[in-house]
Protein backbone atom coordinates (compact mmCIF):
# COMPACT_ATOMS: atom_id res chain seq x y z
CA UNK A 1 -151.76 -34.75 -45.10
CA UNK A 2 -150.23 -33.31 -41.97
CA UNK A 3 -151.56 -32.15 -38.61
CA UNK A 4 -152.50 -33.18 -35.08
CA UNK A 5 -155.64 -34.82 -33.69
CA UNK A 6 -156.10 -34.57 -29.94
CA UNK A 7 -157.83 -37.91 -29.49
CA UNK A 8 -159.99 -38.70 -26.48
CA UNK A 9 -158.68 -42.24 -26.01
CA UNK A 10 -161.44 -44.58 -24.85
CA UNK A 11 -161.08 -46.97 -21.93
CA UNK A 12 -159.98 -50.48 -22.78
CA UNK A 13 -157.99 -49.53 -25.88
CA UNK A 14 -154.19 -49.45 -25.98
CA UNK A 15 -152.42 -46.39 -27.38
CA UNK A 16 -151.05 -48.48 -30.26
CA UNK A 17 -154.54 -49.73 -31.15
CA UNK A 18 -155.79 -46.12 -31.08
CA UNK A 19 -153.05 -45.10 -33.50
CA UNK A 20 -153.91 -47.92 -35.91
CA UNK A 21 -157.62 -47.12 -35.79
CA UNK A 22 -157.00 -43.43 -36.54
CA UNK A 23 -154.53 -44.35 -39.27
CA UNK A 24 -157.18 -46.46 -41.01
CA UNK A 25 -159.79 -43.71 -40.77
CA UNK A 26 -157.44 -41.12 -42.26
CA UNK A 27 -155.88 -43.56 -44.76
CA UNK A 28 -152.60 -42.09 -43.54
CA UNK A 29 -149.06 -43.34 -44.14
CA UNK A 30 -147.34 -41.84 -41.13
CA UNK A 31 -149.02 -41.55 -37.71
CA UNK A 32 -147.56 -41.59 -34.22
CA UNK A 33 -148.78 -40.99 -30.67
CA UNK A 34 -147.01 -38.78 -28.18
CA UNK A 35 -146.89 -40.70 -24.92
CA UNK A 36 -148.66 -43.95 -24.11
CA UNK A 37 -151.80 -44.21 -22.05
CA UNK A 38 -152.62 -47.51 -20.33
CA UNK A 39 -155.74 -49.31 -21.60
CA UNK A 40 -157.41 -48.41 -18.29
CA UNK A 41 -156.84 -44.69 -18.89
CA UNK A 42 -158.84 -42.25 -21.00
CA UNK A 43 -158.25 -38.72 -22.20
CA UNK A 44 -155.77 -36.63 -24.13
CA UNK A 45 -153.69 -38.63 -26.62
CA UNK A 46 -152.30 -36.33 -29.34
CA UNK A 47 -151.81 -38.14 -32.66
CA UNK A 48 -149.34 -36.67 -35.15
CA UNK A 49 -149.87 -37.13 -38.88
CA UNK A 50 -147.34 -36.53 -41.66
CA UNK A 51 -145.02 -33.57 -41.03
CA UNK A 52 -146.35 -33.25 -37.47
CA UNK A 53 -144.42 -36.42 -36.55
CA UNK A 54 -141.26 -34.29 -36.83
CA UNK A 55 -142.40 -32.46 -33.70
CA UNK A 56 -143.86 -35.38 -31.75
CA UNK A 57 -140.78 -35.58 -29.51
CA UNK A 58 -141.64 -32.18 -28.05
CA UNK A 59 -145.05 -33.53 -27.06
CA UNK A 60 -143.45 -36.66 -25.62
CA UNK A 61 -141.23 -34.42 -23.48
CA UNK A 62 -144.06 -32.11 -22.39
CA UNK A 63 -145.77 -31.94 -19.01
CA UNK A 64 -148.96 -33.91 -18.36
CA UNK A 65 -151.98 -33.62 -16.08
CA UNK A 66 -154.18 -36.42 -14.74
CA UNK A 67 -157.29 -36.92 -12.64
CA UNK A 68 -156.96 -40.21 -10.73
CA UNK A 69 -159.80 -42.03 -9.01
CA UNK A 70 -158.12 -43.88 -6.13
CA UNK A 71 -159.47 -46.86 -4.21
CA UNK A 72 -158.08 -46.94 -0.69
CA UNK A 73 -157.72 -50.19 1.26
CA UNK A 74 -156.84 -52.42 -1.70
CA UNK A 75 -153.37 -52.98 -3.21
CA UNK A 76 -152.85 -54.59 -6.62
CA UNK A 77 -149.72 -55.91 -8.31
CA UNK A 78 -149.97 -53.40 -11.17
CA UNK A 79 -151.01 -50.44 -9.03
CA UNK A 80 -154.29 -50.10 -10.95
CA UNK A 81 -157.65 -51.81 -11.36
CA UNK A 82 -156.37 -54.08 -14.15
CA UNK A 83 -154.06 -55.89 -11.75
CA UNK A 84 -154.56 -58.76 -9.32
CA UNK A 85 -155.42 -57.94 -5.71
CA UNK A 86 -152.45 -58.43 -3.40
CA UNK A 87 -153.88 -57.28 -0.09
CA UNK A 88 -156.95 -55.70 1.45
CA UNK A 89 -156.66 -53.64 4.61
CA UNK A 90 -159.12 -51.48 6.56
CA UNK A 91 -159.01 -47.78 5.80
CA UNK A 92 -159.97 -46.94 9.38
CA UNK A 93 -160.60 -43.38 10.44
CA UNK A 94 -158.44 -41.85 7.77
CA UNK A 95 -158.80 -38.07 7.55
CA UNK A 96 -158.37 -35.63 4.69
CA UNK A 97 -155.72 -33.87 6.77
CA UNK A 98 -153.66 -37.08 7.08
CA UNK A 99 -153.83 -37.63 3.31
CA UNK A 100 -152.79 -34.04 2.68
CA UNK A 101 -149.75 -34.44 4.94
CA UNK A 102 -148.73 -37.63 3.12
CA UNK A 103 -149.14 -35.99 -0.31
CA UNK A 104 -146.37 -33.57 0.63
CA UNK A 105 -143.90 -36.39 -0.05
CA UNK A 106 -145.13 -36.60 -3.64
CA UNK A 107 -144.63 -33.00 -4.73
CA UNK A 108 -141.67 -31.20 -6.23
CA UNK A 109 -138.56 -32.90 -7.60
CA UNK A 110 -138.61 -36.52 -6.45
CA UNK A 111 -137.20 -39.92 -7.43
CA UNK A 112 -139.55 -42.62 -8.68
CA UNK A 113 -138.95 -46.31 -9.36
CA UNK A 114 -141.03 -47.29 -12.44
CA UNK A 115 -143.61 -50.05 -12.07
CA UNK A 116 -142.92 -53.54 -13.39
CA UNK A 117 -146.17 -53.06 -15.30
CA UNK A 118 -144.76 -50.17 -17.36
CA UNK A 119 -143.76 -50.10 -21.03
CA UNK A 120 -140.10 -49.42 -20.19
CA UNK A 121 -137.91 -51.99 -21.91
CA UNK A 122 -135.39 -54.36 -20.33
CA UNK A 123 -133.11 -56.03 -22.88
CA UNK A 124 -135.68 -55.26 -25.56
CA UNK A 125 -138.68 -56.61 -23.62
CA UNK A 126 -141.34 -54.31 -22.12
CA UNK A 127 -141.40 -54.69 -18.35
CA UNK A 128 -145.12 -55.46 -18.31
CA UNK A 129 -144.51 -58.60 -20.40
CA UNK A 130 -141.94 -59.79 -17.89
CA UNK A 131 -144.28 -58.97 -15.01
CA UNK A 132 -147.03 -61.09 -16.56
CA UNK A 133 -144.56 -63.99 -16.60
CA UNK A 134 -144.05 -63.54 -12.88
CA UNK A 135 -140.59 -62.03 -13.35
CA UNK A 136 -139.19 -58.94 -11.66
CA UNK A 137 -136.03 -57.05 -12.59
CA UNK A 138 -134.20 -54.25 -10.85
CA UNK A 139 -135.31 -50.78 -11.91
CA UNK A 140 -133.37 -47.60 -11.25
CA UNK A 141 -135.13 -44.63 -9.71
CA UNK A 142 -135.72 -41.78 -12.13
CA UNK A 143 -136.02 -38.06 -11.38
CA UNK A 144 -139.48 -36.60 -12.00
CA UNK A 145 -141.22 -33.37 -11.06
CA UNK A 146 -144.71 -33.19 -9.59
CA UNK A 147 -145.81 -29.58 -9.91
CA UNK A 148 -149.05 -30.14 -8.00
CA UNK A 149 -150.84 -33.10 -6.42
CA UNK A 150 -154.15 -32.04 -4.92
CA UNK A 151 -157.18 -33.68 -3.35
CA UNK A 152 -160.30 -33.09 -5.46
CA UNK A 153 -162.62 -35.28 -3.40
CA UNK A 154 -162.44 -37.76 -0.50
CA UNK A 155 -165.15 -39.92 1.04
CA UNK A 156 -164.80 -43.28 2.81
CA UNK A 157 -162.41 -45.36 0.63
CA UNK A 158 -162.72 -43.17 -2.50
CA UNK A 159 -160.11 -40.48 -3.15
CA UNK A 160 -159.77 -38.26 -6.25
CA UNK A 161 -156.44 -36.61 -7.05
CA UNK A 162 -155.47 -33.98 -9.64
CA UNK A 163 -151.80 -34.49 -10.57
CA UNK A 164 -149.73 -32.11 -12.74
CA UNK A 165 -146.36 -33.67 -13.51
CA UNK A 166 -143.38 -33.97 -15.81
CA UNK A 167 -142.96 -36.61 -18.49
CA UNK A 168 -142.21 -40.14 -17.30
CA UNK A 169 -144.32 -39.87 -14.14
CA UNK A 170 -146.33 -42.95 -13.18
CA UNK A 171 -149.40 -41.87 -11.24
CA UNK A 172 -150.10 -45.44 -10.09
CA UNK A 173 -146.66 -45.57 -8.47
CA UNK A 174 -147.48 -42.39 -6.56
CA UNK A 175 -150.83 -43.86 -5.52
CA UNK A 176 -149.28 -47.18 -4.44
CA UNK A 177 -146.64 -45.45 -2.31
CA UNK A 178 -149.25 -43.09 -0.88
CA UNK A 179 -151.35 -46.09 0.16
CA UNK A 180 -148.38 -47.69 1.89
CA UNK A 181 -147.59 -44.45 3.68
CA UNK A 182 -151.20 -44.24 4.90
CA UNK A 183 -151.03 -47.87 6.05
CA UNK A 184 -154.06 -49.09 4.14
CA UNK A 185 -152.81 -49.62 0.59
CA UNK A 186 -154.31 -48.10 -2.54
CA UNK A 187 -154.59 -48.45 -6.31
CA UNK A 188 -155.77 -46.38 -9.27
CA UNK A 189 -159.38 -47.33 -10.03
CA UNK A 190 -159.71 -44.92 -12.95
CA UNK A 191 -157.36 -42.48 -14.69
CA UNK A 192 -157.98 -39.63 -17.11
CA UNK A 193 -155.31 -37.50 -18.76
CA UNK A 194 -156.62 -33.95 -18.98
CA UNK A 195 -153.53 -32.24 -20.42
CA UNK A 196 -150.61 -33.22 -22.67
CA UNK A 197 -148.37 -30.30 -23.59
CA UNK A 198 -150.58 -27.60 -25.17
CA UNK A 199 -153.57 -29.92 -25.65
CA UNK A 200 -156.39 -30.04 -23.12
CA UNK A 201 -159.91 -31.37 -22.91
CA UNK A 202 -161.29 -28.52 -25.04
CA UNK A 203 -159.25 -29.90 -27.96
CA UNK A 204 -160.50 -33.48 -27.71
CA UNK A 205 -162.05 -35.45 -30.55
CA UNK A 206 -163.68 -38.84 -29.99
CA UNK A 207 -163.62 -41.83 -32.33
CA UNK A 208 -167.36 -41.37 -32.76
CA UNK A 209 -166.76 -37.83 -34.05
CA UNK A 210 -164.01 -39.09 -36.35
CA UNK A 211 -166.26 -41.79 -37.81
CA UNK A 212 -169.08 -39.30 -38.39
CA UNK A 213 -166.66 -36.91 -40.09
CA UNK A 214 -165.31 -39.73 -42.24
CA UNK A 215 -168.82 -40.54 -43.44
CA UNK A 216 -169.24 -36.89 -44.46
CA UNK A 217 -165.72 -36.60 -45.96
CA UNK A 218 -164.82 -34.03 -43.31
CA UNK A 219 -161.90 -35.63 -41.47
CA UNK A 220 -159.40 -32.95 -42.55
CA UNK A 221 -161.42 -30.31 -40.70
CA UNK A 222 -160.64 -32.08 -37.41
CA UNK A 223 -156.87 -31.81 -37.95
CA UNK A 224 -155.14 -29.09 -35.98
CA UNK A 225 -152.16 -27.51 -37.80
CA UNK A 226 -148.64 -28.89 -37.47
CA UNK A 227 -147.61 -25.85 -35.47
CA UNK A 228 -150.21 -26.64 -32.78
CA UNK A 229 -147.73 -29.19 -31.39
CA UNK A 230 -145.61 -26.26 -30.15
CA UNK A 231 -148.23 -23.54 -29.96
CA UNK A 232 -147.27 -22.71 -26.36
CA UNK A 233 -143.82 -21.53 -27.52
CA UNK A 234 -143.21 -17.88 -28.48
CA UNK A 235 -143.32 -17.13 -32.21
CA UNK A 236 -140.44 -15.55 -34.16
CA UNK A 237 -141.38 -13.91 -37.47
CA UNK A 238 -138.85 -14.03 -40.32
CA UNK A 239 -138.68 -12.08 -43.57
CA UNK A 240 -138.37 -14.03 -46.81
CA UNK A 241 -134.68 -13.12 -46.95
CA UNK A 242 -133.96 -14.26 -43.38
CA UNK A 243 -136.03 -17.41 -43.82
CA UNK A 244 -133.91 -18.37 -46.85
CA UNK A 245 -130.69 -18.45 -44.83
CA UNK A 246 -132.36 -20.21 -41.92
CA UNK A 247 -133.53 -22.95 -44.31
CA UNK A 248 -129.88 -23.43 -45.28
CA UNK A 249 -129.17 -24.31 -41.66
CA UNK A 250 -127.65 -20.94 -40.71
CA UNK A 251 -128.46 -19.13 -37.44
CA UNK A 252 -129.97 -15.71 -38.13
CA UNK A 253 -130.46 -12.44 -36.30
CA UNK A 254 -134.12 -11.53 -35.73
CA UNK A 255 -134.99 -8.19 -34.08
CA UNK A 256 -137.05 -8.43 -30.89
CA UNK A 257 -136.68 -12.23 -30.64
CA UNK A 258 -136.75 -13.86 -27.18
CA UNK A 259 -133.41 -13.99 -25.42
CA UNK A 260 -133.43 -17.72 -24.63
CA UNK A 261 -135.29 -20.98 -25.14
CA UNK A 262 -137.20 -22.66 -27.96
CA UNK A 263 -139.34 -20.76 -30.45
CA UNK A 264 -141.78 -21.32 -33.32
CA UNK A 265 -140.50 -20.08 -36.65
CA UNK A 266 -142.86 -18.36 -39.07
CA UNK A 267 -142.15 -16.81 -42.46
CA UNK A 268 -143.17 -13.32 -43.62
CA UNK A 269 -146.27 -11.94 -41.86
CA UNK A 270 -146.98 -15.07 -39.84
CA UNK A 271 -148.66 -14.57 -36.47
CA UNK A 272 -148.68 -18.29 -35.59
CA UNK A 273 -151.95 -17.73 -33.78
CA UNK A 274 -154.02 -20.56 -32.32
CA UNK A 275 -156.64 -19.94 -35.04
CA UNK A 276 -154.49 -21.28 -37.84
CA UNK A 277 -156.13 -22.97 -40.81
CA UNK A 278 -154.78 -25.71 -43.01
CA UNK A 279 -151.84 -27.89 -42.09
CA UNK A 280 -149.19 -25.25 -41.56
CA UNK A 281 -150.50 -21.93 -42.92
CA UNK A 282 -151.65 -19.16 -40.60
CA UNK A 283 -154.78 -17.14 -41.07
CA UNK A 284 -152.84 -14.18 -42.46
CA UNK A 285 -150.96 -16.31 -45.02
CA UNK A 286 -147.79 -16.61 -43.01
CA UNK A 287 -146.22 -20.07 -42.98
CA UNK A 288 -145.01 -22.21 -40.11
CA UNK A 289 -141.41 -23.26 -40.87
CA UNK A 290 -140.52 -25.34 -37.83
CA UNK A 291 -138.80 -24.73 -34.51
CA UNK A 292 -135.57 -23.10 -33.46
CA UNK A 293 -133.51 -22.29 -30.40
CA UNK A 294 -132.00 -19.01 -29.22
CA UNK A 295 -128.21 -19.21 -29.07
CA UNK A 296 -126.07 -17.55 -26.40
CA UNK A 297 -125.25 -14.73 -28.81
CA UNK A 298 -128.95 -14.02 -29.45
CA UNK A 299 -129.17 -15.54 -32.92
CA UNK A 300 -132.00 -17.92 -33.82
CA UNK A 301 -130.75 -21.36 -34.85
CA UNK A 302 -132.94 -23.80 -36.80
CA UNK A 303 -133.47 -27.10 -35.01
CA UNK A 304 -136.27 -28.91 -36.84
CA UNK A 305 -137.87 -27.63 -40.03
CA UNK A 306 -140.68 -28.70 -42.33
CA UNK A 307 -139.28 -29.60 -45.79
CA UNK A 308 -139.73 -26.82 -48.34
CA UNK A 309 -141.98 -28.34 -51.00
CA UNK A 310 -142.67 -25.09 -52.84
């Protein structure tokens, strides 16, 4: 059994617990998530089953989008509502215009120091475990990209932000620094991931839906195909003859292929359309082979393939 479930992770559950719960429902051997969500957060958590785990790294590396409910005037040690309150300050006559000016510092290519309450490891220990022991270690700033960071709503001490960012971005760090810049402090009161790579809210499946499907022996119908993990990439169609050499690890020439970047690889008459059925077979009986990369000389090189079990 292979495929992807775009889980709507519920609040209060860790990403690891969500994986284990889905694994039990599907009676699956191999399941992995594609980027942790804090217990506080809800939303898009793609789960990869079977052969789809071969492509989970591309989802880990993909861009994300979040809607953050921000409480102004209160700072916490973790930067979110799960932490302990450090300080409360008056918001004062803060204006939308002042917030907008401050948000300019949190757009584009910026450097960010990860929170001590992150899952990044220090000598094998997650930072959040050290933080709970009252310890703090030096963290190096990391480059991230914030494509957009917009005000959705603002009233009194409640601010809602829509943040589109690269992998490795900590929204609560942005919110904490924004609060300090505004002089009143701030923390994330609620967080929802609305996009992870190609998966958005229209793809989401809840645990309730999974349990109902399990009772009716219909869980497989909720699996999206393996190729959905990279469905935003352009497709390259190969003949049987060309596919044979590509499976041997050889770069191949494919007419009308893109000139650069990563591509989906499909055999024969594959269209690799979003409406695929089954685990890796397209609606017109073409087959998803894996992913490749365009070389400088224009040839298509295989990078990660699904094992040929035919």
